[in-house]
N, C-alpha and C. Protein backbone atom coordinates (compact mmCIF):
# COMPACT_ATOMS: atom_id res chain seq x y z
N SER A 1 0.85 -1.18 0.00
CA SER A 1 0.00 0.00 0.00
C SER A 1 0.88 1.23 0.00
N SER A 2 0.38 2.32 -0.61
CA SER A 2 1.12 3.58 -0.64
C SER A 2 0.13 4.73 -0.62
N GLY A 3 0.60 5.84 -0.11
CA GLY A 3 -0.22 7.05 0.01
C GLY A 3 0.41 7.96 1.04
N THR A 4 -0.29 9.02 1.39
CA THR A 4 0.21 9.94 2.42
C THR A 4 -0.05 9.32 3.78
N VAL A 5 1.04 9.01 4.46
CA VAL A 5 0.94 8.33 5.76
C VAL A 5 0.78 9.37 6.86
N GLY A 6 -0.22 9.17 7.71
CA GLY A 6 -0.43 10.03 8.85
C GLY A 6 0.13 9.40 10.11
N ASN A 7 -0.53 9.64 11.23
CA ASN A 7 -0.11 9.09 12.51
C ASN A 7 -0.78 7.75 12.78
N ASN A 8 -0.15 6.95 13.62
CA ASN A 8 -0.75 5.73 14.16
C ASN A 8 -1.22 4.75 13.08
N GLY A 9 -0.50 4.68 11.96
CA GLY A 9 -0.84 3.73 10.91
C GLY A 9 -1.99 4.15 10.01
N TRP A 10 -2.46 5.39 10.13
CA TRP A 10 -3.54 5.88 9.29
C TRP A 10 -2.99 6.50 8.03
N TYR A 11 -3.74 6.36 6.94
CA TYR A 11 -3.45 7.10 5.72
C TYR A 11 -4.31 8.36 5.70
N ARG A 12 -3.73 9.44 5.12
CA ARG A 12 -4.44 10.71 5.02
C ARG A 12 -4.69 11.09 3.57
N SER A 13 -4.67 10.11 2.69
CA SER A 13 -4.94 10.33 1.27
C SER A 13 -5.55 9.05 0.72
N ASN A 14 -5.92 9.06 -0.56
CA ASN A 14 -6.30 7.81 -1.21
C ASN A 14 -5.16 6.82 -1.08
N VAL A 15 -5.51 5.55 -0.94
CA VAL A 15 -4.51 4.50 -0.72
C VAL A 15 -4.41 3.65 -1.99
N ASN A 16 -3.22 3.60 -2.56
CA ASN A 16 -2.97 2.76 -3.73
C ASN A 16 -2.44 1.41 -3.27
N ILE A 17 -3.13 0.36 -3.68
CA ILE A 17 -2.77 -0.99 -3.24
C ILE A 17 -2.32 -1.78 -4.46
N LYS A 18 -1.14 -2.35 -4.39
CA LYS A 18 -0.55 -3.09 -5.51
C LYS A 18 -0.21 -4.50 -5.02
N MET A 19 -0.68 -5.50 -5.78
CA MET A 19 -0.39 -6.89 -5.42
C MET A 19 0.74 -7.41 -6.30
N THR A 20 1.68 -8.13 -5.69
CA THR A 20 2.79 -8.73 -6.42
C THR A 20 2.87 -10.21 -6.06
N SER A 21 3.48 -10.97 -6.94
CA SER A 21 3.70 -12.40 -6.70
C SER A 21 5.01 -12.81 -7.36
N ASN A 22 5.84 -13.54 -6.61
CA ASN A 22 7.11 -14.04 -7.14
C ASN A 22 6.98 -15.46 -7.70
N SER A 23 5.75 -15.98 -7.67
CA SER A 23 5.55 -17.35 -8.13
C SER A 23 5.66 -17.44 -9.66
N SER A 24 6.03 -18.63 -10.14
CA SER A 24 6.15 -18.87 -11.59
C SER A 24 4.79 -19.20 -12.18
N TYR A 25 4.65 -18.92 -13.46
CA TYR A 25 3.47 -19.30 -14.26
C TYR A 25 2.17 -18.68 -13.75
N VAL A 26 2.26 -17.52 -13.19
CA VAL A 26 1.04 -16.83 -12.75
C VAL A 26 0.31 -16.30 -13.99
N THR A 27 -0.96 -16.63 -14.08
CA THR A 27 -1.74 -16.21 -15.24
C THR A 27 -2.70 -15.07 -14.93
N SER A 28 -3.07 -14.90 -13.67
CA SER A 28 -3.99 -13.79 -13.35
C SER A 28 -3.77 -13.32 -11.92
N LYS A 29 -4.04 -12.03 -11.75
CA LYS A 29 -3.99 -11.40 -10.43
C LYS A 29 -5.29 -10.64 -10.26
N ASN A 30 -5.87 -10.77 -9.08
CA ASN A 30 -7.18 -10.17 -8.85
C ASN A 30 -7.20 -9.53 -7.46
N VAL A 31 -7.37 -8.20 -7.43
CA VAL A 31 -7.46 -7.48 -6.16
C VAL A 31 -8.89 -6.98 -5.99
N ASN A 32 -9.53 -7.42 -4.92
CA ASN A 32 -10.90 -6.98 -4.61
C ASN A 32 -11.86 -7.18 -5.79
N ASN A 33 -11.70 -8.32 -6.46
CA ASN A 33 -12.59 -8.69 -7.58
C ASN A 33 -12.59 -7.65 -8.70
N THR A 34 -11.41 -7.07 -8.98
CA THR A 34 -11.32 -6.07 -10.04
C THR A 34 -10.66 -6.61 -11.30
N ASN A 35 -10.16 -7.88 -11.25
CA ASN A 35 -9.41 -8.47 -12.37
C ASN A 35 -8.17 -7.64 -12.72
N ARG A 36 -7.63 -7.00 -11.71
CA ARG A 36 -6.39 -6.22 -11.88
C ARG A 36 -5.49 -6.51 -10.70
N ASP A 37 -4.23 -6.09 -10.83
CA ASP A 37 -3.28 -6.30 -9.73
C ASP A 37 -3.16 -5.06 -8.84
N ASN A 38 -4.06 -4.06 -9.02
CA ASN A 38 -3.99 -2.86 -8.18
C ASN A 38 -5.40 -2.39 -7.88
N TYR A 39 -5.48 -1.58 -6.83
CA TYR A 39 -6.77 -1.09 -6.36
C TYR A 39 -6.53 0.22 -5.62
N THR A 40 -7.46 1.16 -5.74
CA THR A 40 -7.35 2.43 -5.04
C THR A 40 -8.51 2.57 -4.06
N LEU A 41 -8.16 2.72 -2.78
CA LEU A 41 -9.16 2.94 -1.74
C LEU A 41 -9.39 4.44 -1.62
N THR A 42 -10.63 4.87 -1.89
CA THR A 42 -10.93 6.30 -1.90
C THR A 42 -11.78 6.77 -0.72
N SER A 43 -12.42 5.86 -0.02
CA SER A 43 -13.31 6.26 1.06
C SER A 43 -12.62 6.13 2.41
N ASP A 44 -12.99 7.01 3.33
CA ASP A 44 -12.46 6.93 4.69
C ASP A 44 -13.01 5.68 5.37
N THR A 45 -12.18 5.06 6.19
CA THR A 45 -12.59 3.81 6.83
C THR A 45 -11.82 3.60 8.12
N LEU A 46 -12.51 3.02 9.10
CA LEU A 46 -11.86 2.64 10.35
C LEU A 46 -10.91 1.48 10.16
N GLY A 47 -11.11 0.72 9.10
CA GLY A 47 -10.26 -0.43 8.78
C GLY A 47 -10.92 -1.30 7.74
N THR A 48 -10.29 -1.46 6.60
CA THR A 48 -10.81 -2.28 5.51
C THR A 48 -9.75 -3.29 5.11
N THR A 49 -10.17 -4.53 4.92
CA THR A 49 -9.27 -5.57 4.45
C THR A 49 -9.42 -5.72 2.94
N ILE A 50 -8.32 -5.53 2.24
CA ILE A 50 -8.27 -5.69 0.79
C ILE A 50 -7.70 -7.07 0.49
N LYS A 51 -8.46 -7.86 -0.29
CA LYS A 51 -8.06 -9.24 -0.57
C LYS A 51 -7.54 -9.38 -2.00
N GLY A 52 -6.51 -10.19 -2.13
CA GLY A 52 -5.93 -10.47 -3.45
C GLY A 52 -5.86 -11.97 -3.70
N THR A 53 -5.98 -12.34 -4.98
CA THR A 53 -5.88 -13.75 -5.40
C THR A 53 -5.02 -13.83 -6.65
N VAL A 54 -4.07 -14.77 -6.65
CA VAL A 54 -3.27 -15.05 -7.86
C VAL A 54 -3.55 -16.49 -8.29
N THR A 55 -3.57 -16.69 -9.59
CA THR A 55 -3.83 -18.01 -10.15
C THR A 55 -2.72 -18.35 -11.14
N ASN A 56 -2.24 -19.64 -11.08
CA ASN A 56 -1.19 -20.04 -12.02
C ASN A 56 -1.76 -20.93 -13.13
N ASP A 57 -0.88 -21.37 -14.02
CA ASP A 57 -1.31 -22.17 -15.17
C ASP A 57 -1.98 -23.46 -14.77
N ALA A 58 -1.64 -23.98 -13.62
CA ALA A 58 -2.22 -25.25 -13.18
C ALA A 58 -3.58 -25.05 -12.51
N GLY A 59 -4.01 -23.81 -12.37
CA GLY A 59 -5.29 -23.55 -11.72
C GLY A 59 -5.21 -23.41 -10.22
N LEU A 60 -4.02 -23.44 -9.70
CA LEU A 60 -3.85 -23.27 -8.25
C LEU A 60 -3.90 -21.78 -7.90
N THR A 61 -4.45 -21.50 -6.75
CA THR A 61 -4.58 -20.10 -6.34
C THR A 61 -3.85 -19.83 -5.03
N GLY A 62 -3.39 -18.62 -4.91
CA GLY A 62 -2.81 -18.14 -3.66
C GLY A 62 -3.54 -16.87 -3.23
N ASN A 63 -3.70 -16.75 -1.95
CA ASN A 63 -4.45 -15.60 -1.42
C ASN A 63 -3.57 -14.73 -0.53
N CYS A 64 -3.84 -13.45 -0.54
CA CYS A 64 -3.14 -12.52 0.34
C CYS A 64 -4.10 -11.40 0.69
N SER A 65 -3.77 -10.63 1.71
CA SER A 65 -4.64 -9.53 2.12
C SER A 65 -3.83 -8.48 2.87
N ILE A 66 -4.41 -7.30 2.91
CA ILE A 66 -3.80 -6.22 3.68
C ILE A 66 -4.94 -5.40 4.28
N SER A 67 -4.75 -4.94 5.51
CA SER A 67 -5.75 -4.09 6.17
C SER A 67 -5.23 -2.66 6.21
N VAL A 68 -6.09 -1.74 5.80
CA VAL A 68 -5.71 -0.33 5.81
C VAL A 68 -6.81 0.49 6.47
N LYS A 69 -6.41 1.61 7.04
CA LYS A 69 -7.38 2.55 7.61
C LYS A 69 -7.04 3.94 7.08
N LYS A 70 -8.09 4.70 6.76
CA LYS A 70 -7.91 5.96 6.05
C LYS A 70 -8.83 7.03 6.64
N ASP A 71 -8.25 8.20 6.90
CA ASP A 71 -9.02 9.35 7.40
C ASP A 71 -8.43 10.61 6.79
N THR A 72 -9.15 11.20 5.84
CA THR A 72 -8.67 12.41 5.18
C THR A 72 -9.36 13.67 5.69
N GLU A 73 -10.41 13.51 6.49
CA GLU A 73 -11.17 14.66 6.95
C GLU A 73 -10.62 15.19 8.28
N ALA A 74 -10.43 16.50 8.33
CA ALA A 74 -10.01 17.12 9.59
C ALA A 74 -11.15 17.06 10.60
N PRO A 75 -10.85 17.00 11.88
CA PRO A 75 -11.91 16.95 12.89
C PRO A 75 -12.69 18.25 12.93
N SER A 76 -13.87 18.20 13.53
CA SER A 76 -14.64 19.42 13.72
C SER A 76 -14.11 20.17 14.94
N CYS A 77 -14.21 21.49 14.89
CA CYS A 77 -13.67 22.34 15.96
C CYS A 77 -14.56 23.56 16.09
N ASN A 78 -15.12 23.75 17.28
CA ASN A 78 -15.98 24.91 17.53
C ASN A 78 -15.72 25.45 18.93
N VAL A 79 -15.56 26.76 19.02
CA VAL A 79 -15.42 27.43 20.31
C VAL A 79 -16.74 28.15 20.60
N ASN A 80 -17.34 27.83 21.74
CA ASN A 80 -18.64 28.37 22.11
C ASN A 80 -18.54 29.18 23.39
N ALA A 81 -19.39 30.21 23.49
CA ALA A 81 -19.43 31.05 24.68
C ALA A 81 -20.83 31.00 25.27
N SER A 82 -20.90 31.00 26.61
CA SER A 82 -22.20 31.05 27.27
C SER A 82 -22.11 31.94 28.50
N GLY A 83 -23.18 32.67 28.73
CA GLY A 83 -23.26 33.60 29.85
C GLY A 83 -24.45 34.52 29.63
N THR A 84 -24.56 35.54 30.46
CA THR A 84 -25.65 36.51 30.34
C THR A 84 -25.22 37.65 29.43
N LYS A 85 -26.03 37.90 28.40
CA LYS A 85 -25.69 38.96 27.46
C LYS A 85 -26.53 40.20 27.72
N GLY A 86 -25.87 41.35 27.62
CA GLY A 86 -26.55 42.63 27.68
C GLY A 86 -26.70 43.20 26.29
N TRP A 87 -26.56 44.50 26.18
CA TRP A 87 -26.70 45.17 24.88
C TRP A 87 -25.44 44.97 24.04
N ASN A 88 -25.62 45.06 22.73
CA ASN A 88 -24.51 45.13 21.76
C ASN A 88 -23.51 43.99 21.90
N ASN A 89 -24.02 42.80 22.21
CA ASN A 89 -23.20 41.58 22.31
C ASN A 89 -22.18 41.62 23.45
N TRP A 90 -22.38 42.48 24.44
CA TRP A 90 -21.54 42.47 25.63
C TRP A 90 -22.08 41.42 26.59
N TYR A 91 -21.17 40.64 27.18
CA TYR A 91 -21.56 39.75 28.27
C TYR A 91 -21.50 40.53 29.58
N THR A 92 -22.52 40.35 30.40
CA THR A 92 -22.58 41.06 31.68
C THR A 92 -22.37 40.12 32.86
N SER A 93 -21.91 38.92 32.58
CA SER A 93 -21.61 37.93 33.62
C SER A 93 -20.30 37.25 33.25
N ASN A 94 -19.84 36.36 34.12
CA ASN A 94 -18.71 35.52 33.73
C ASN A 94 -19.09 34.75 32.47
N VAL A 95 -18.11 34.52 31.62
CA VAL A 95 -18.36 33.84 30.35
C VAL A 95 -17.66 32.49 30.38
N SER A 96 -18.43 31.44 30.12
CA SER A 96 -17.87 30.09 30.05
C SER A 96 -17.54 29.78 28.59
N MET A 97 -16.27 29.59 28.30
CA MET A 97 -15.81 29.25 26.96
C MET A 97 -15.59 27.74 26.90
N SER A 98 -16.08 27.11 25.85
CA SER A 98 -15.92 25.66 25.73
C SER A 98 -15.53 25.29 24.31
N LEU A 99 -14.75 24.24 24.20
CA LEU A 99 -14.31 23.72 22.91
C LEU A 99 -15.05 22.43 22.62
N SER A 100 -15.68 22.38 21.45
CA SER A 100 -16.33 21.16 20.97
C SER A 100 -15.44 20.56 19.90
N ALA A 101 -14.94 19.34 20.14
CA ALA A 101 -14.00 18.70 19.23
C ALA A 101 -14.44 17.26 18.99
N THR A 102 -14.73 16.92 17.74
CA THR A 102 -15.15 15.56 17.40
C THR A 102 -14.51 15.13 16.09
N ASP A 103 -14.36 13.83 15.95
CA ASP A 103 -13.88 13.25 14.70
C ASP A 103 -14.56 11.90 14.51
N ALA A 104 -15.28 11.77 13.42
CA ALA A 104 -16.13 10.60 13.23
C ALA A 104 -15.35 9.34 12.83
N THR A 105 -14.17 9.48 12.27
CA THR A 105 -13.47 8.30 11.75
C THR A 105 -12.38 7.82 12.69
N SER A 106 -11.29 8.56 12.81
CA SER A 106 -10.17 8.08 13.63
C SER A 106 -10.26 8.52 15.08
N GLY A 107 -11.11 9.50 15.37
CA GLY A 107 -11.25 9.97 16.75
C GLY A 107 -10.26 11.06 17.09
N VAL A 108 -10.58 11.83 18.12
CA VAL A 108 -9.74 12.95 18.55
C VAL A 108 -8.56 12.42 19.36
N MET A 109 -7.35 12.87 18.99
CA MET A 109 -6.16 12.47 19.73
C MET A 109 -5.76 13.53 20.76
N LYS A 110 -5.77 14.81 20.35
CA LYS A 110 -5.42 15.88 21.29
C LYS A 110 -6.11 17.16 20.88
N TYR A 111 -6.22 18.08 21.86
CA TYR A 111 -6.98 19.31 21.63
C TYR A 111 -6.49 20.37 22.60
N GLY A 112 -6.94 21.59 22.40
CA GLY A 112 -6.58 22.67 23.31
C GLY A 112 -7.46 23.88 23.12
N LEU A 113 -7.71 24.59 24.21
CA LEU A 113 -8.46 25.85 24.20
C LEU A 113 -7.66 26.86 24.99
N ASN A 114 -7.33 27.99 24.35
CA ASN A 114 -6.48 28.99 24.97
C ASN A 114 -6.96 30.39 24.63
N ALA A 115 -6.67 31.32 25.51
CA ALA A 115 -6.93 32.73 25.24
C ALA A 115 -5.69 33.34 24.58
N ASN A 116 -5.90 33.97 23.45
CA ASN A 116 -4.84 34.70 22.74
C ASN A 116 -3.67 33.83 22.31
N GLY A 117 -3.90 32.57 21.99
CA GLY A 117 -2.83 31.71 21.50
C GLY A 117 -3.34 30.32 21.21
N THR A 118 -2.52 29.53 20.54
CA THR A 118 -2.92 28.18 20.16
C THR A 118 -1.90 27.18 20.68
N SER A 119 -2.35 26.21 21.45
CA SER A 119 -1.46 25.13 21.90
C SER A 119 -2.32 23.95 22.34
N TYR A 120 -1.73 22.77 22.25
CA TYR A 120 -2.40 21.56 22.71
C TYR A 120 -2.20 21.44 24.23
N ASN A 121 -3.24 21.75 24.98
CA ASN A 121 -3.13 21.66 26.44
C ASN A 121 -4.18 20.72 27.03
N ASN A 122 -4.93 20.02 26.14
CA ASN A 122 -5.99 19.09 26.56
C ASN A 122 -6.98 19.75 27.52
N SER A 123 -7.19 21.05 27.32
CA SER A 123 -8.21 21.79 28.06
C SER A 123 -9.32 22.15 27.08
N ASN A 124 -10.56 21.93 27.49
CA ASN A 124 -11.67 22.31 26.62
C ASN A 124 -12.64 23.28 27.31
N ASN A 125 -12.20 23.86 28.43
CA ASN A 125 -13.03 24.86 29.13
C ASN A 125 -12.14 25.96 29.69
N GLN A 126 -12.58 27.19 29.54
CA GLN A 126 -11.91 28.36 30.12
C GLN A 126 -13.01 29.30 30.60
N ASN A 127 -12.72 30.08 31.63
CA ASN A 127 -13.69 31.04 32.15
C ASN A 127 -13.13 32.45 32.02
N LEU A 128 -13.93 33.33 31.43
CA LEU A 128 -13.58 34.75 31.35
C LEU A 128 -14.25 35.46 32.52
N THR A 129 -13.43 35.95 33.46
CA THR A 129 -13.97 36.52 34.69
C THR A 129 -13.61 38.00 34.86
N TRP A 130 -13.00 38.60 33.86
CA TRP A 130 -12.61 40.00 33.95
C TRP A 130 -13.20 40.76 32.76
N ASP A 131 -13.34 42.07 32.95
CA ASP A 131 -13.89 42.91 31.89
C ASP A 131 -12.86 43.12 30.79
N THR A 132 -13.30 43.03 29.56
CA THR A 132 -12.43 43.26 28.41
C THR A 132 -13.27 43.70 27.22
N ASP A 133 -12.70 44.59 26.40
CA ASP A 133 -13.44 45.03 25.23
C ASP A 133 -13.19 44.13 24.03
N GLY A 134 -12.56 42.98 24.26
CA GLY A 134 -12.40 41.99 23.20
C GLY A 134 -11.26 41.04 23.48
N ILE A 135 -11.55 39.75 23.51
CA ILE A 135 -10.52 38.72 23.67
C ILE A 135 -10.92 37.54 22.79
N THR A 136 -9.94 36.93 22.17
CA THR A 136 -10.19 35.80 21.28
C THR A 136 -9.70 34.52 21.93
N TYR A 137 -10.58 33.52 21.95
CA TYR A 137 -10.22 32.19 22.43
C TYR A 137 -10.02 31.29 21.21
N TYR A 138 -8.89 30.58 21.21
CA TYR A 138 -8.52 29.75 20.08
C TYR A 138 -8.61 28.27 20.45
N GLY A 139 -9.20 27.50 19.56
CA GLY A 139 -9.26 26.05 19.73
C GLY A 139 -8.42 25.37 18.66
N ILE A 140 -7.90 24.22 18.99
CA ILE A 140 -7.13 23.42 18.05
C ILE A 140 -7.41 21.95 18.33
N VAL A 141 -7.57 21.16 17.29
CA VAL A 141 -7.91 19.74 17.43
C VAL A 141 -7.09 18.94 16.42
N MET A 142 -6.58 17.79 16.86
CA MET A 142 -5.91 16.85 15.95
C MET A 142 -6.52 15.48 16.15
N ASP A 143 -6.83 14.80 15.03
CA ASP A 143 -7.36 13.45 15.14
C ASP A 143 -6.22 12.44 15.16
N ASN A 144 -6.55 11.17 15.33
CA ASN A 144 -5.52 10.13 15.46
C ASN A 144 -4.75 9.89 14.17
N ALA A 145 -5.29 10.38 13.04
CA ALA A 145 -4.58 10.24 11.77
C ALA A 145 -3.61 11.39 11.54
N GLY A 146 -3.70 12.44 12.34
CA GLY A 146 -2.82 13.59 12.19
C GLY A 146 -3.45 14.77 11.48
N ASN A 147 -4.73 14.69 11.12
CA ASN A 147 -5.43 15.83 10.54
C ASN A 147 -5.72 16.85 11.63
N GLN A 148 -5.60 18.13 11.29
CA GLN A 148 -5.74 19.18 12.29
C GLN A 148 -6.71 20.26 11.81
N ARG A 149 -7.44 20.84 12.76
CA ARG A 149 -8.31 21.99 12.45
C ARG A 149 -8.24 23.00 13.60
N ASP A 150 -8.29 24.29 13.23
CA ASP A 150 -8.29 25.38 14.20
C ASP A 150 -9.65 26.07 14.16
N CYS A 151 -9.99 26.73 15.26
CA CYS A 151 -11.23 27.52 15.32
C CYS A 151 -11.03 28.60 16.38
N SER A 152 -11.93 29.59 16.39
CA SER A 152 -11.79 30.67 17.35
C SER A 152 -13.13 31.37 17.57
N SER A 153 -13.21 32.11 18.65
CA SER A 153 -14.38 32.92 18.95
C SER A 153 -13.94 34.11 19.79
N SER A 154 -14.43 35.31 19.43
CA SER A 154 -14.08 36.52 20.16
C SER A 154 -15.27 36.97 21.01
N VAL A 155 -14.99 37.38 22.23
CA VAL A 155 -16.05 37.82 23.15
C VAL A 155 -15.60 39.09 23.86
N LYS A 156 -16.57 39.83 24.39
CA LYS A 156 -16.28 40.99 25.21
C LYS A 156 -17.17 40.95 26.45
N ARG A 157 -16.61 41.36 27.59
CA ARG A 157 -17.31 41.26 28.87
C ARG A 157 -17.26 42.61 29.58
N LEU A 158 -18.42 43.06 30.05
CA LEU A 158 -18.51 44.28 30.84
C LEU A 158 -19.55 44.04 31.93
N ALA A 159 -19.08 43.52 33.06
CA ALA A 159 -19.98 43.11 34.13
C ALA A 159 -19.96 44.09 35.30
N THR A 160 -19.13 45.11 35.23
CA THR A 160 -19.04 46.09 36.31
C THR A 160 -19.97 47.26 36.00
N ALA A 161 -20.89 47.55 36.91
CA ALA A 161 -21.82 48.67 36.71
C ALA A 161 -21.03 49.98 36.66
N PRO A 162 -21.46 50.91 35.82
CA PRO A 162 -20.72 52.17 35.71
C PRO A 162 -20.87 53.02 36.97
N SER A 163 -19.83 53.80 37.26
CA SER A 163 -19.91 54.74 38.39
C SER A 163 -20.80 55.92 38.00
N CYS A 164 -21.36 56.55 39.00
CA CYS A 164 -22.29 57.65 38.74
C CYS A 164 -22.23 58.68 39.87
N SER A 165 -22.08 59.94 39.47
CA SER A 165 -22.16 61.03 40.45
C SER A 165 -22.84 62.22 39.78
N ILE A 166 -23.54 63.04 40.58
CA ILE A 166 -24.23 64.21 40.06
C ILE A 166 -23.68 65.45 40.77
N THR A 167 -23.34 66.43 39.98
CA THR A 167 -22.91 67.72 40.55
C THR A 167 -23.93 68.78 40.19
N ALA A 168 -24.11 69.72 41.09
CA ALA A 168 -25.04 70.84 40.89
C ALA A 168 -24.24 72.14 40.85
N SER A 169 -24.66 73.01 39.95
CA SER A 169 -23.98 74.30 39.86
C SER A 169 -25.02 75.43 39.76
N GLY A 170 -24.70 76.55 40.32
CA GLY A 170 -25.58 77.73 40.33
C GLY A 170 -25.09 78.73 41.37
N ASN A 171 -25.85 79.76 41.61
CA ASN A 171 -25.47 80.77 42.62
C ASN A 171 -26.00 80.34 43.99
N LYS A 172 -25.06 80.28 44.93
CA LYS A 172 -25.44 79.87 46.28
C LYS A 172 -25.54 81.08 47.20
N GLY A 173 -26.58 80.98 48.04
CA GLY A 173 -26.71 81.97 49.09
C GLY A 173 -26.29 81.35 50.42
N TRP A 174 -26.99 81.74 51.49
CA TRP A 174 -26.65 81.23 52.82
C TRP A 174 -27.17 79.80 53.00
N SER A 175 -26.52 79.05 53.88
CA SER A 175 -26.95 77.72 54.33
C SER A 175 -27.20 76.74 53.18
N ASP A 176 -26.34 76.82 52.18
CA ASP A 176 -26.39 75.93 51.02
C ASP A 176 -27.66 76.06 50.19
N TRP A 177 -28.35 77.19 50.32
CA TRP A 177 -29.50 77.45 49.46
C TRP A 177 -29.02 78.08 48.16
N TYR A 178 -29.59 77.56 47.04
CA TYR A 178 -29.30 78.17 45.75
C TYR A 178 -30.26 79.33 45.51
N THR A 179 -29.75 80.39 45.00
CA THR A 179 -30.56 81.58 44.73
C THR A 179 -30.76 81.79 43.23
N SER A 180 -30.38 80.74 42.44
CA SER A 180 -30.55 80.82 40.98
C SER A 180 -31.00 79.46 40.48
N ASP A 181 -31.27 79.41 39.19
CA ASP A 181 -31.52 78.10 38.59
C ASP A 181 -30.31 77.20 38.80
N ILE A 182 -30.58 75.89 38.87
CA ILE A 182 -29.51 74.92 39.16
C ILE A 182 -29.29 74.04 37.93
N THR A 183 -28.04 73.87 37.57
CA THR A 183 -27.67 72.95 36.48
C THR A 183 -27.07 71.69 37.11
N ASN A 184 -27.69 70.54 36.83
CA ASN A 184 -27.19 69.26 37.34
C ASN A 184 -26.42 68.54 36.23
N THR A 185 -25.29 67.97 36.57
CA THR A 185 -24.45 67.26 35.60
C THR A 185 -24.15 65.86 36.13
N ILE A 186 -24.40 64.87 35.28
CA ILE A 186 -24.09 63.47 35.65
C ILE A 186 -22.67 63.16 35.17
N ASN A 187 -21.88 62.59 36.07
CA ASN A 187 -20.49 62.26 35.76
C ASN A 187 -20.26 60.76 35.93
N SER A 188 -19.41 60.20 35.06
CA SER A 188 -19.01 58.80 35.19
C SER A 188 -17.62 58.63 34.61
N THR A 189 -16.79 57.90 35.34
CA THR A 189 -15.43 57.62 34.85
C THR A 189 -15.33 56.22 34.25
N SER A 190 -16.46 55.53 34.16
CA SER A 190 -16.45 54.15 33.65
C SER A 190 -16.30 54.13 32.13
N PRO A 191 -15.64 53.11 31.59
CA PRO A 191 -15.53 52.99 30.14
C PRO A 191 -16.84 52.51 29.52
N HIS A 192 -16.99 52.79 28.25
CA HIS A 192 -18.10 52.29 27.43
C HIS A 192 -19.48 52.74 27.93
N VAL A 193 -19.56 53.94 28.52
CA VAL A 193 -20.86 54.47 28.92
C VAL A 193 -21.57 54.97 27.67
N SER A 194 -22.78 54.46 27.43
CA SER A 194 -23.48 54.81 26.20
C SER A 194 -24.50 55.93 26.38
N SER A 195 -24.98 56.16 27.60
CA SER A 195 -25.95 57.24 27.80
C SER A 195 -25.90 57.71 29.25
N LYS A 196 -26.31 58.96 29.43
CA LYS A 196 -26.43 59.56 30.77
C LYS A 196 -27.77 60.26 30.84
N LYS A 197 -28.54 59.96 31.88
CA LYS A 197 -29.88 60.56 32.02
C LYS A 197 -30.08 61.06 33.43
């Protein structure tokens, strides 16, 4: 068999299978009932046995076989966020980040979920517990054949209520009485304040 070899005995491409025989007077070679001495495996498989038969002039047959496994599809990779959302896609609570990693053929070998970077740490959960105007969580997955896929999700968290103070201005008389119209001003030093009323 020949093809692109991955990890753990898996192929990551179509597998070309060629049957040979050193016997004398061989009149026919048959691989997987194709009446040929070669065969190409094109479908992904957990394990397939390819059978070969050779026949000589006397009508005697010899049998051989090979088992191959093939996975050309990269695993699925999704980074998901959950928490309480406020306006404009801001999270107003702690955010639970999770990595969903699956592979239907060879199975997941290793994975990782990280903030602001990619590495295999076999972690599939992270918690965002601080305010940020944007952070990206990166996921990475590799299956047992060596196929890899990356994914990511960006989130922003603002769970701290804004500060608020009101100042009054005008002409003051005695005992803190104002003797003119009063102008009230709302002040806040918090970031991302969208309105003041």
